[in-house]
């Protein structure tokens, strides 16, 4: 699969409009974007920023033991998060994604987090898409599409209140999972918000 598209960048108007639509301060949305992807949705090659999650790939292949074993043997899947460090650099990440796609395209795309909001492909419906392929195709085209997916995810998961109230720990726990504190995600959000407010 080709992961490059038009790679159109966001402008401040896009963020302001998205924040208005959610009913939150633009600074709160800026904070999330800054912490998730440093404020950029594309790598230097014009591909959506992505992170392949091997433990999710393992889970998504459970119905096909042969594919799952192939992925395990290739070092692309294992049962628990954190068994190996993430690869360094976007090229290495995309090498894993491409190798995983060769085993099972759907499972590989679903096991990857995409774009500005780093939304897992398995959440494509919550991100407002009909399929994971549609989600990735949209993410390839523009950061505005990526932002729209992220805002849909925030809204449908009931996270608007946390952003309105600057409840960074509450947001971090529900957006990134219960182990958010290990990476001081809430502290980083608070700091980023102060910068943009």
Protein backbone atom coordinates (compact mmCIF):
# COMPACT_ATOMS: atom_id res chain seq x y z
CA UNK A 1 0.00 0.00 0.00
CA UNK A 2 1.22 3.49 -0.85
CA UNK A 3 1.18 5.72 2.23
CA UNK A 4 1.89 9.04 0.54
CA UNK A 5 -0.84 11.46 -0.50
CA UNK A 6 -1.19 15.22 -0.90
CA UNK A 7 -0.02 15.80 2.71
CA UNK A 8 -1.72 19.21 3.00
CA UNK A 9 -0.81 21.03 6.22
CA UNK A 10 -3.18 22.57 8.77
CA UNK A 11 -3.65 26.27 9.23
CA UNK A 12 -4.64 28.11 12.42
CA UNK A 13 -8.12 28.61 11.05
CA UNK A 14 -8.63 24.83 10.90
CA UNK A 15 -7.73 24.47 14.58
CA UNK A 16 -9.87 27.44 15.64
CA UNK A 17 -12.88 26.08 13.74
CA UNK A 18 -12.44 22.56 15.12
CA UNK A 19 -12.17 23.95 18.66
CA UNK A 20 -15.32 26.02 18.16
CA UNK A 21 -17.16 22.96 16.83
CA UNK A 22 -16.15 21.00 19.94
CA UNK A 23 -16.89 23.89 22.29
CA UNK A 24 -13.35 24.05 23.68
CA UNK A 25 -10.52 26.59 23.71
CA UNK A 26 -8.17 26.44 20.72
CA UNK A 27 -5.30 26.24 23.25
CA UNK A 28 -6.68 22.95 24.61
CA UNK A 29 -6.78 21.44 21.12
CA UNK A 30 -3.30 22.82 20.37
CA UNK A 31 -2.07 21.11 23.55
CA UNK A 32 -3.33 17.68 22.48
CA UNK A 33 -1.87 18.08 18.99
CA UNK A 34 1.45 19.23 20.39
CA UNK A 35 1.79 16.31 22.81
CA UNK A 36 0.57 13.61 20.40
CA UNK A 37 2.67 14.44 17.34
CA UNK A 38 4.58 17.64 18.02
CA UNK A 39 1.89 19.48 16.05
CA UNK A 40 2.65 17.82 12.72
CA UNK A 41 0.66 15.01 11.12
CA UNK A 42 3.19 14.02 8.46
CA UNK A 43 6.75 12.72 8.46
CA UNK A 44 9.53 14.09 6.23
CA UNK A 45 8.47 11.73 3.43
CA UNK A 46 4.90 13.11 3.45
CA UNK A 47 3.38 10.03 5.09
CA UNK A 48 0.96 10.31 8.03
CA UNK A 49 2.80 10.03 11.32
CA UNK A 50 2.18 6.50 12.47
CA UNK A 51 3.00 4.02 15.20
CA UNK A 52 2.60 0.28 14.70
CA UNK A 53 1.42 -1.55 17.82
CA UNK A 54 2.68 -5.14 17.76
CA UNK A 55 0.48 -6.31 20.66
CA UNK A 56 -2.63 -5.11 18.81
CA UNK A 57 -1.47 -6.85 15.63
CA UNK A 58 -1.14 -10.05 17.68
CA UNK A 59 -4.67 -9.60 18.99
CA UNK A 60 -6.17 -8.83 15.58
CA UNK A 61 -4.65 -12.02 14.14
CA UNK A 62 -6.09 -14.33 16.80
CA UNK A 63 -8.63 -15.80 14.39
CA UNK A 64 -5.85 -16.99 12.05
CA UNK A 65 -3.17 -18.88 13.96
CA UNK A 66 -0.95 -19.34 10.87
CA UNK A 67 -0.83 -15.60 10.17
CA UNK A 68 -0.32 -14.87 13.84
CA UNK A 69 2.64 -17.27 14.01
CA UNK A 70 4.13 -15.73 10.86
CA UNK A 71 3.87 -12.30 12.49
CA UNK A 72 5.41 -13.56 15.75
CA UNK A 73 8.29 -15.22 13.87
CA UNK A 74 8.91 -11.93 12.02
CA UNK A 75 9.02 -9.98 15.29
CA UNK A 76 5.89 -8.07 14.32
CA UNK A 77 3.53 -9.43 16.98
CA UNK A 78 3.53 -10.45 20.61
CA UNK A 79 0.87 -10.75 23.33
CA UNK A 80 1.80 -7.94 25.73
CA UNK A 81 2.70 -4.30 25.19
CA UNK A 82 6.29 -3.34 25.86
CA UNK A 83 8.04 -6.63 25.10
CA UNK A 84 10.36 -4.78 22.71
CA UNK A 85 11.05 -1.06 22.18
CA UNK A 86 9.44 0.78 19.29
CA UNK A 87 11.64 1.22 16.21
CA UNK A 88 13.41 4.57 15.92
CA UNK A 89 12.36 6.86 13.10
CA UNK A 90 9.46 6.92 10.70
CA UNK A 91 11.18 4.84 8.01
CA UNK A 92 11.64 1.99 10.50
CA UNK A 93 8.01 2.30 11.62
CA UNK A 94 6.77 2.15 8.03
CA UNK A 95 9.03 -0.83 7.31
CA UNK A 96 7.14 -2.67 10.08
CA UNK A 97 3.75 -1.48 8.83
CA UNK A 98 4.55 -2.61 5.27
CA UNK A 99 5.79 -6.01 6.45
CA UNK A 100 2.65 -6.41 8.56
CA UNK A 101 0.47 -5.42 5.57
CA UNK A 102 2.05 -8.26 3.62
CA UNK A 103 0.75 -10.65 6.30
CA UNK A 104 -2.72 -9.09 6.75
CA UNK A 105 -3.61 -5.65 5.40
CA UNK A 106 -6.72 -5.07 7.52
CA UNK A 107 -5.11 -6.17 10.77
CA UNK A 108 -1.96 -4.13 10.07
CA UNK A 109 -3.87 -0.90 9.37
CA UNK A 110 -6.09 -1.44 12.43
CA UNK A 111 -3.01 -2.05 14.63
CA UNK A 112 -1.47 1.30 13.69
CA UNK A 113 -2.18 4.72 15.15
CA UNK A 114 -2.45 7.43 12.52
CA UNK A 115 -1.94 11.14 12.07
CA UNK A 116 -2.18 14.18 14.33
CA UNK A 117 -4.36 12.50 16.93
CA UNK A 118 -2.61 9.10 16.75
CA UNK A 119 -6.00 7.38 16.49
CA UNK A 120 -5.77 3.60 16.24
CA UNK A 121 -7.02 2.24 12.93
CA UNK A 122 -9.31 -0.12 14.83
CA UNK A 123 -11.23 3.02 15.90
CA UNK A 124 -12.05 3.98 12.31
CA UNK A 125 -15.81 4.15 12.96
CA UNK A 126 -15.37 6.37 16.02
CA UNK A 127 -13.11 8.53 13.84
CA UNK A 128 -16.03 8.97 11.42
CA UNK A 129 -14.93 6.57 8.67
CA UNK A 130 -16.60 3.58 7.01
CA UNK A 131 -13.43 1.46 6.88
CA UNK A 132 -9.86 1.54 8.11
CA UNK A 133 -8.71 2.02 4.51
CA UNK A 134 -10.88 5.13 4.23
CA UNK A 135 -9.36 6.41 7.46
CA UNK A 136 -5.81 5.98 6.15
CA UNK A 137 -6.67 7.44 2.73
CA UNK A 138 -8.13 10.54 4.41
CA UNK A 139 -5.11 10.84 6.71
CA UNK A 140 -2.77 10.74 3.69
CA UNK A 141 -4.48 13.72 2.08
CA UNK A 142 -4.46 16.38 4.79
CA UNK A 143 -3.91 17.27 8.40
CA UNK A 144 -7.40 18.80 8.32
CA UNK A 145 -8.77 15.29 7.70
CA UNK A 146 -6.63 13.95 10.53
CA UNK A 147 -7.94 16.69 12.84
CA UNK A 148 -11.51 15.88 11.86
CA UNK A 149 -10.93 12.21 12.75
CA UNK A 150 -9.41 13.19 16.07
CA UNK A 151 -12.29 15.53 16.94
CA UNK A 152 -14.80 12.81 16.07
CA UNK A 153 -12.92 10.43 18.38
CA UNK A 154 -12.90 13.01 21.22
CA UNK A 155 -16.60 13.78 20.80
CA UNK A 156 -17.84 10.19 20.46
CA UNK A 157 -15.79 9.08 23.47
CA UNK A 158 -17.25 11.84 25.65
CA UNK A 159 -13.93 13.62 26.19
CA UNK A 160 -15.10 17.18 25.48
CA UNK A 161 -15.86 17.87 29.16
CA UNK A 162 -12.31 16.95 30.18
CA UNK A 163 -10.90 19.43 27.67
CA UNK A 164 -13.38 22.13 28.66
CA UNK A 165 -12.46 21.67 32.33
CA UNK A 166 -8.71 21.24 31.69
CA UNK A 167 -8.92 17.86 33.42
CA UNK A 168 -5.67 16.69 31.87
CA UNK A 169 -5.39 13.50 33.93
CA UNK A 170 -8.98 12.52 33.11
CA UNK A 171 -8.42 13.20 29.42
CA UNK A 172 -5.06 11.39 29.37
CA UNK A 173 -6.46 8.30 31.08
CA UNK A 174 -9.31 7.91 28.59
CA UNK A 175 -7.38 9.00 25.48
CA UNK A 176 -4.14 7.10 26.09
CA UNK A 177 -5.11 4.40 28.58
CA UNK A 178 -4.57 3.78 32.29
CA UNK A 179 -0.76 3.80 32.06
CA UNK A 180 -0.71 7.44 30.85
CA UNK A 181 1.12 8.58 34.02
CA UNK A 182 4.25 6.59 33.11
CA UNK A 183 4.89 9.06 30.30
CA UNK A 184 3.59 12.08 32.29
CA UNK A 185 1.04 12.61 29.54
CA UNK A 186 -1.18 14.76 31.77
CA UNK A 187 1.76 16.93 32.86
CA UNK A 188 2.81 17.43 29.24
CA UNK A 189 -0.75 18.41 28.28
CA UNK A 190 -0.95 20.97 31.10
CA UNK A 191 2.40 22.43 30.12
CA UNK A 192 1.46 22.61 26.42
CA UNK A 193 -1.86 24.26 27.28
CA UNK A 194 -0.07 26.94 29.34
CA UNK A 195 2.15 27.63 26.34
CA UNK A 196 -0.77 28.15 23.95
CA UNK A 197 -3.27 29.81 26.33
